Amino acid sequence: MALLNSHSINKVIAGLAVCAWLPLANAAPMFTLSSPAFNDNGVLAKKYAGNIKENPACVGDNFSPAFSWHNAPGGTKSFTLTIRDVDANHGLGVNHLVAYGIPASTTGFAGDALSEGKGFIGGSNTMKHGYYNGPCPPVGTGSHHYIVQLIATDLAPDALPKGLSYEQLFEKLKGHAIDNSTLVARFGE
């Protein structure tokens, strides 16, 4: 049996490196969601918090953050955008935004657009509103984590009725979600 010399070993290593790189060269650009209001796992400014006079934990202006996305996957006909506080209700969660029917031609929302309920079909968030309601974590419960999830779907923008809850929306998305991108925001003390 012939032994490999160092020159042959280097050729084998180079060949393996090329083979490992080839799938990446043909990979589609990554579907990404971003916000100028916060970095992933960053802290939301007070103005993005809810503004409900009866709730002393709602200390903000209910100004929704701006969002943008890039590299939607092929076959996308619409998007959904949800914001969920996964720490609220002792881990059972609170939904701050349930938006869907966002046309595939849309690449983001300007600041405060989600509070106005325009450019999407409004589902029913935990507060039973079809638009953005900002964070209001109870004082003393620590920093809460808000999962912002954008899902590309193969559903036409008008395929779903308005008023779906978070759970109803995700049931309807089964078999229709193409890809997703998420961000995490934090808010609270």
Protein backbone atom coordinates (compact mmCIF):
# COMPACT_ATOMS: atom_id res chain seq x y z
CA MET A 1 0.00 0.00 0.00
CA ALA A 2 1.42 3.38 -1.02
CA LEU A 3 1.67 6.08 1.58
CA LEU A 4 0.53 9.61 0.80
CA ASN A 5 3.27 12.18 0.82
CA SER A 6 2.74 15.72 2.16
CA HIS A 7 2.12 17.07 -1.38
CA SER A 8 -0.67 14.52 -1.93
CA ILE A 9 -2.19 15.24 1.49
CA ASN A 10 -2.28 18.98 0.71
CA LYS A 11 -4.11 18.23 -2.57
CA VAL A 12 -6.67 16.10 -0.73
CA ILE A 13 -7.23 18.84 1.88
CA ALA A 14 -7.61 21.49 -0.83
CA GLY A 15 -10.09 19.29 -2.68
CA LEU A 16 -12.15 18.75 0.46
CA ALA A 17 -12.19 22.50 1.16
CA VAL A 18 -13.49 23.21 -2.36
CA CYS A 19 -16.18 20.52 -1.97
CA ALA A 20 -17.30 22.05 1.33
CA TRP A 21 -17.44 25.56 -0.19
CA LEU A 22 -19.35 24.69 -3.39
CA PRO A 23 -22.83 24.39 -1.80
CA LEU A 24 -22.34 27.82 -0.20
CA ALA A 25 -21.47 29.39 -3.54
CA ASN A 26 -24.89 28.44 -4.90
CA ALA A 27 -26.86 29.21 -1.73
CA ALA A 28 -29.59 31.85 -1.95
CA PRO A 29 -28.95 35.05 0.00
CA MET A 30 -30.25 34.82 3.56
CA PHE A 31 -33.77 36.14 4.25
CA THR A 32 -33.18 38.84 6.87
CA LEU A 33 -35.30 41.08 9.08
CA SER A 34 -33.83 44.20 10.67
CA SER A 35 -34.85 47.32 12.54
CA PRO A 36 -33.12 50.69 12.93
CA ALA A 37 -34.80 50.91 16.36
CA PHE A 38 -32.77 48.10 17.96
CA ASN A 39 -30.14 45.48 17.24
CA ASP A 40 -30.99 41.81 17.60
CA ASN A 41 -31.30 41.16 21.37
CA GLY A 42 -31.13 44.92 21.92
CA VAL A 43 -33.21 47.08 24.23
CA LEU A 44 -36.26 48.97 22.96
CA ALA A 45 -36.44 52.68 23.75
CA LYS A 46 -39.28 53.87 26.00
CA LYS A 47 -41.20 55.45 23.10
CA TYR A 48 -41.95 51.96 21.71
CA ALA A 49 -43.69 50.89 24.93
CA GLY A 50 -47.46 50.85 25.21
CA ASN A 51 -49.49 53.86 26.25
CA ILE A 52 -52.53 52.67 28.17
CA LYS A 53 -53.47 55.22 30.81
CA GLU A 54 -55.13 52.62 33.08
CA ASN A 55 -51.93 50.54 33.18
CA PRO A 56 -49.04 52.11 35.14
CA ALA A 57 -46.58 49.76 33.37
CA CYS A 58 -47.43 51.36 30.00
CA VAL A 59 -44.95 54.22 30.05
CA GLY A 60 -44.36 54.86 26.34
CA ASP A 61 -45.85 56.45 23.25
CA ASN A 62 -46.96 53.21 21.53
CA PHE A 63 -44.78 54.17 18.55
CA SER A 64 -44.12 51.00 16.55
CA PRO A 65 -40.52 50.34 15.47
CA ALA A 66 -39.58 50.48 11.79
CA PHE A 67 -38.71 47.17 10.16
CA SER A 68 -37.19 46.18 6.83
CA TRP A 69 -36.41 42.88 5.19
CA HIS A 70 -34.32 41.62 2.31
CA ASN A 71 -33.92 38.54 0.13
CA ALA A 72 -37.44 37.14 0.33
CA PRO A 73 -37.45 33.55 -0.90
CA GLY A 74 -38.78 32.63 -4.33
CA GLY A 75 -42.49 31.91 -4.41
CA THR A 76 -43.31 34.47 -1.71
CA LYS A 77 -46.80 35.94 -2.20
CA SER A 78 -47.25 37.54 1.22
CA PHE A 79 -45.69 37.99 4.65
CA THR A 80 -46.85 37.76 8.24
CA LEU A 81 -45.28 39.82 11.02
CA THR A 82 -45.84 39.03 14.68
CA ILE A 83 -44.46 40.41 17.93
CA ARG A 84 -44.78 38.17 20.98
CA ASP A 85 -43.61 38.72 24.57
CA VAL A 86 -42.59 35.19 25.50
CA ASP A 87 -42.00 36.08 29.17
CA ALA A 88 -45.45 37.54 29.91
CA ASN A 89 -48.19 35.62 31.71
CA HIS A 90 -45.62 33.44 33.49
CA GLY A 91 -44.24 32.22 30.15
CA LEU A 92 -47.57 31.77 28.36
CA GLY A 93 -46.94 34.93 26.34
CA VAL A 94 -48.66 38.08 25.15
CA ASN A 95 -49.09 38.96 21.47
CA HIS A 96 -48.41 42.61 20.68
CA LEU A 97 -48.87 42.39 16.90
CA VAL A 98 -50.55 39.90 14.59
CA ALA A 99 -50.19 41.24 11.04
CA TYR A 100 -50.59 39.26 7.81
CA GLY A 101 -51.61 39.68 4.19
CA ILE A 102 -48.55 41.88 3.71
CA PRO A 103 -47.96 41.94 -0.08
CA ALA A 104 -44.75 40.35 -1.37
CA SER A 105 -43.77 43.71 -2.89
CA THR A 106 -43.51 45.21 0.62
CA THR A 107 -39.99 45.37 2.04
CA GLY A 108 -40.71 46.96 5.40
CA PHE A 109 -42.70 49.36 7.54
CA ALA A 110 -41.78 52.90 8.55
CA GLY A 111 -41.77 53.85 12.21
CA ASP A 112 -45.29 54.03 13.68
CA ALA A 113 -46.90 52.43 10.59
CA LEU A 114 -47.80 49.25 12.49
CA SER A 115 -49.55 51.33 15.18
CA GLU A 116 -51.80 52.78 12.49
CA GLY A 117 -52.92 49.40 11.15
CA LYS A 118 -52.11 50.19 7.51
CA GLY A 119 -50.45 48.00 4.89
CA PHE A 120 -51.54 44.68 6.38
CA ILE A 121 -54.54 42.69 7.55
CA GLY A 122 -54.85 43.09 11.30
CA GLY A 123 -55.22 39.97 13.34
CA SER A 124 -56.32 40.03 16.95
CA ASN A 125 -53.48 40.58 19.39
CA THR A 126 -53.87 39.75 23.08
CA MET A 127 -55.53 43.13 23.65
CA LYS A 128 -57.99 42.29 20.82
CA HIS A 129 -56.57 45.01 18.55
CA GLY A 130 -55.61 44.66 14.89
CA TYR A 131 -52.52 46.85 15.22
CA TYR A 132 -49.33 47.23 17.28
CA ASN A 133 -49.61 47.54 21.05
CA GLY A 134 -46.25 48.26 22.65
CA PRO A 135 -44.70 46.48 25.62
CA CYS A 136 -46.09 47.01 29.13
CA PRO A 137 -44.32 44.43 31.29
CA PRO A 138 -45.33 44.64 34.95
CA VAL A 139 -42.80 46.46 37.12
CA GLY A 140 -40.50 44.05 38.91
CA THR A 141 -40.78 41.23 36.35
CA GLY A 142 -37.40 41.95 34.78
CA SER A 143 -36.48 42.40 31.16
CA HIS A 144 -38.97 40.71 28.83
CA HIS A 145 -38.04 39.22 25.45
CA TYR A 146 -40.09 40.20 22.41
CA ILE A 147 -39.81 37.84 19.45
CA VAL A 148 -40.38 39.67 16.18
CA GLN A 149 -41.04 37.06 13.50
CA LEU A 150 -41.45 37.64 9.78
CA ILE A 151 -42.74 34.68 7.76
CA ALA A 152 -42.74 34.49 3.96
CA THR A 153 -45.80 32.58 2.71
CA ASP A 154 -47.21 31.25 -0.53
CA LEU A 155 -50.65 32.68 0.35
CA ALA A 156 -52.16 35.56 -1.62
CA PRO A 157 -52.37 38.75 0.48
CA ASP A 158 -56.17 38.47 0.65
CA ALA A 159 -56.27 34.73 1.43
CA LEU A 160 -57.00 35.06 5.15
CA PRO A 161 -59.83 36.89 6.94
CA LYS A 162 -59.06 39.74 9.33
CA GLY A 163 -59.16 39.21 13.07
CA LEU A 164 -57.26 35.92 13.35
CA SER A 165 -55.56 35.33 16.69
CA TYR A 166 -51.88 34.39 16.81
CA GLU A 167 -52.81 30.74 17.29
CA GLN A 168 -55.39 30.77 14.48
CA LEU A 169 -52.91 32.44 12.12
CA PHE A 170 -50.22 29.86 12.78
CA GLU A 171 -52.73 27.06 12.22
CA LYS A 172 -53.63 28.58 8.81
CA LEU A 173 -49.93 28.92 7.90
CA LYS A 174 -49.29 25.18 8.13
CA GLY A 175 -48.12 24.05 4.70
CA HIS A 176 -47.83 27.65 3.46
CA ALA A 177 -44.77 29.04 5.28
CA ILE A 178 -41.72 29.24 3.02
CA ASP A 179 -39.10 30.78 5.34
CA ASN A 180 -38.81 33.07 8.33
CA SER A 181 -36.51 35.58 9.96
CA THR A 182 -36.59 36.74 13.57
CA LEU A 183 -35.30 39.45 15.85
CA VAL A 184 -35.38 39.65 19.62
CA ALA A 185 -36.00 42.93 21.44
CA ARG A 186 -35.87 43.43 25.21
CA PHE A 187 -37.83 45.83 27.39
CA GLY A 188 -38.56 46.16 31.11
CA GLU A 189 -36.74 46.29 34.42
